[in-house]
Amino acid sequence: MDARLAAFNNRHIGERAFLVANGPSLNRMDLGFLRRENVIGLNKIFLGLRKFKFYPKYYVAVNEKVIQQAAGEIKKLNCVKFIGERGAAFVPEDALTYHVVTRNRQQRFYHDISEGVHEGWTVTYAALQIAYYLGFKEIIIIGLDHRYQYSGQPDEAKRLDGPDPNHFCPDYFGYGQTWDNPNLARSEESYRIARQEYEKAGRRIWDATVDGACTVFDKIDYRKFANHR
């Protein structure tokens, strides 16, 4: 067992966390309330932190392209960072940075991240395994728009020459960067497994995305939390 990762086991037992994906719907939300919450940010969320007025407690990135493109900004993040080992050469371990083994075979949901996490065709799935290990009882997902404009086949690497229409910032993968086309069918398989594993343990995943297209998780209005003082 990785002793550094083991220190996170059940650190937040019984608590809730907001898992912030990176869809355009974030631009339609008032996210200042997240300053009072446990937040897990994904991939290039750093592009919106000043605008959205919150800062994550945890950060997750497992896609090698994302980690390579964003290495400089990831290193600057002042929060605990879980980085897929395929990006280890770009973002080495340090006091706040932890490498996790990423897998696409063997078991589909890892309860113990010191053994690895399944990538599940979406960083959101990797983050759900990490959140489970941290002990969170309730996860509220936002920014999971689950709809994309793209050409080619799922999982195909593509260069995006214009602005990025699929994320909250046009610079996200835009203007000459390469990204991997989404695989929504496989992502949904992963989400169903995550829902099953959470509910088996008496935990819950909610989808509070504004106008999100994912139908796997039960929906909830994020303003329920934003308006609570």
Foldseek 3Di string as FASTA:
>chain_A
DPPVLLVLFQQPAAAEEEEEDFFQLLVVDQQLLCQVGAYEYEQVCVVCCVVNVHAHQEYEYEDQLSCQVCLVVVQVRPHAYEYEPSNCVSHPDDPRYDYFHEDQDDDQADLRRNPHGYCQQHRVLRVLSSVNRSNHQEYEYENQQLDADDDDDAQDKDFAQAFGNTGNGRVSRYRGHIDGHGDSVSNLVSLLVSQVVSVVVVGFYEYQYDNHPDDNHHYDHCVVSVVDD
